[in-house]
């Protein structure tokens, strides 16, 4: 089995976007607009921010379980070399 690695970049992009969305909601640039028009959009934005946070926690748990199960990193499978230093650091086998 191999460790999942493709989700990391998507999660990083999602976190950046969620942070931007949250700051837009907090700035109050919506003032002066009709409240009934804003509520649905603010609700969806709030739910998206929560989904990103939950997805990040799930990805961390999956990575931790992959380390505990001693999954190989994708790089190791392709190159047939010993685990990379980055994979060892992620699994807590090397302290930085």
Protein backbone atom coordinates (compact mmCIF):
# COMPACT_ATOMS: atom_id res chain seq x y z
CA UNK A 1 0.00 0.00 0.00
CA UNK A 2 1.15 3.54 -0.62
CA UNK A 3 0.65 6.72 1.38
CA UNK A 4 -1.84 9.21 -0.08
CA UNK A 5 -0.07 12.31 -1.32
CA UNK A 6 -2.20 13.96 -3.98
CA UNK A 7 -4.64 15.56 -1.53
CA UNK A 8 -2.00 17.70 0.21
CA UNK A 9 -1.87 20.40 -2.48
CA UNK A 10 -5.67 20.55 -2.71
CA UNK A 11 -6.00 20.91 1.04
CA UNK A 12 -3.38 23.68 1.09
CA UNK A 13 -5.23 25.56 -1.66
CA UNK A 14 -8.54 25.06 0.13
CA UNK A 15 -7.13 26.43 3.38
CA UNK A 16 -5.85 29.56 1.62
CA UNK A 17 -9.19 30.08 -0.12
CA UNK A 18 -11.14 29.51 3.10
CA UNK A 19 -8.96 32.01 4.94
CA UNK A 20 -9.55 34.57 2.17
CA UNK A 21 -13.29 33.91 2.24
CA UNK A 22 -13.39 34.28 6.01
CA UNK A 23 -11.55 37.60 5.87
CA UNK A 24 -13.99 38.85 3.21
CA UNK A 25 -16.88 37.97 5.50
CA UNK A 26 -15.24 39.70 8.44
CA UNK A 27 -14.43 42.93 6.59
CA UNK A 28 -18.09 43.84 6.31
CA UNK A 29 -17.91 44.86 2.65
CA UNK A 30 -21.50 43.61 2.46
CA UNK A 31 -22.82 46.55 4.48
CA UNK A 32 -25.57 48.50 2.80
CA UNK A 33 -26.77 45.44 0.87
CA UNK A 34 -30.11 43.74 1.38
CA UNK A 35 -29.79 41.34 4.34
CA UNK A 36 -32.08 38.75 2.73
CA UNK A 37 -29.71 38.54 -0.25
CA UNK A 38 -26.63 38.15 1.93
CA UNK A 39 -27.81 35.45 4.34
CA UNK A 40 -27.77 32.53 1.83
CA UNK A 41 -24.32 33.45 0.53
CA UNK A 42 -22.91 33.91 4.04
CA UNK A 43 -24.38 30.57 5.10
CA UNK A 44 -22.78 28.75 2.17
CA UNK A 45 -19.45 30.49 2.82
CA UNK A 46 -19.55 29.51 6.48
CA UNK A 47 -20.32 25.89 5.59
CA UNK A 48 -17.46 25.80 3.09
CA UNK A 49 -15.04 27.09 5.72
CA UNK A 50 -16.20 24.33 8.10
CA UNK A 51 -15.88 21.67 5.38
CA UNK A 52 -12.30 22.72 4.68
CA UNK A 53 -11.42 22.43 8.39
CA UNK A 54 -13.02 18.98 8.63
CA UNK A 55 -11.33 17.81 5.43
CA UNK A 56 -7.95 18.88 6.80
CA UNK A 57 -8.53 16.85 9.98
CA UNK A 58 -9.56 13.81 7.93
CA UNK A 59 -6.43 14.08 5.77
CA UNK A 60 -4.23 14.35 8.86
CA UNK A 61 -5.88 11.22 10.29
CA UNK A 62 -5.45 9.30 7.03
CA UNK A 63 -1.76 10.27 6.88
CA UNK A 64 -1.27 9.24 10.51
CA UNK A 65 -2.94 5.88 9.89
CA UNK A 66 -0.83 5.36 6.76
CA UNK A 67 2.30 5.98 8.82
CA UNK A 68 1.17 3.60 11.55
CA UNK A 69 0.41 0.95 8.91
CA UNK A 70 3.87 1.59 7.43
CA UNK A 71 2.56 2.45 3.97
CA UNK A 72 5.25 3.28 1.42
CA UNK A 73 5.41 6.74 -0.08
CA UNK A 74 4.64 7.02 -3.79
CA UNK A 75 8.24 8.11 -4.45
CA UNK A 76 9.55 4.92 -2.84
CA UNK A 77 7.34 2.73 -5.02
CA UNK A 78 8.40 4.46 -8.24
CA UNK A 79 12.14 4.61 -7.51
CA UNK A 80 12.44 1.38 -5.47
CA UNK A 81 14.71 3.26 -3.04
CA UNK A 82 14.55 3.44 0.76
CA UNK A 83 11.95 5.87 2.16
CA UNK A 84 12.78 9.50 1.57
CA UNK A 85 13.72 11.79 4.44
CA UNK A 86 10.45 13.69 3.97
CA UNK A 87 8.40 10.48 4.33
CA UNK A 88 10.36 9.58 7.47
CA UNK A 89 9.75 13.04 8.93
CA UNK A 90 6.01 12.81 8.16
CA UNK A 91 5.79 9.46 9.93
CA UNK A 92 7.73 10.74 12.94
CA UNK A 93 10.69 8.42 12.35
CA UNK A 94 13.08 11.39 12.08
CA UNK A 95 12.98 14.39 14.40
CA UNK A 96 13.85 17.79 12.96
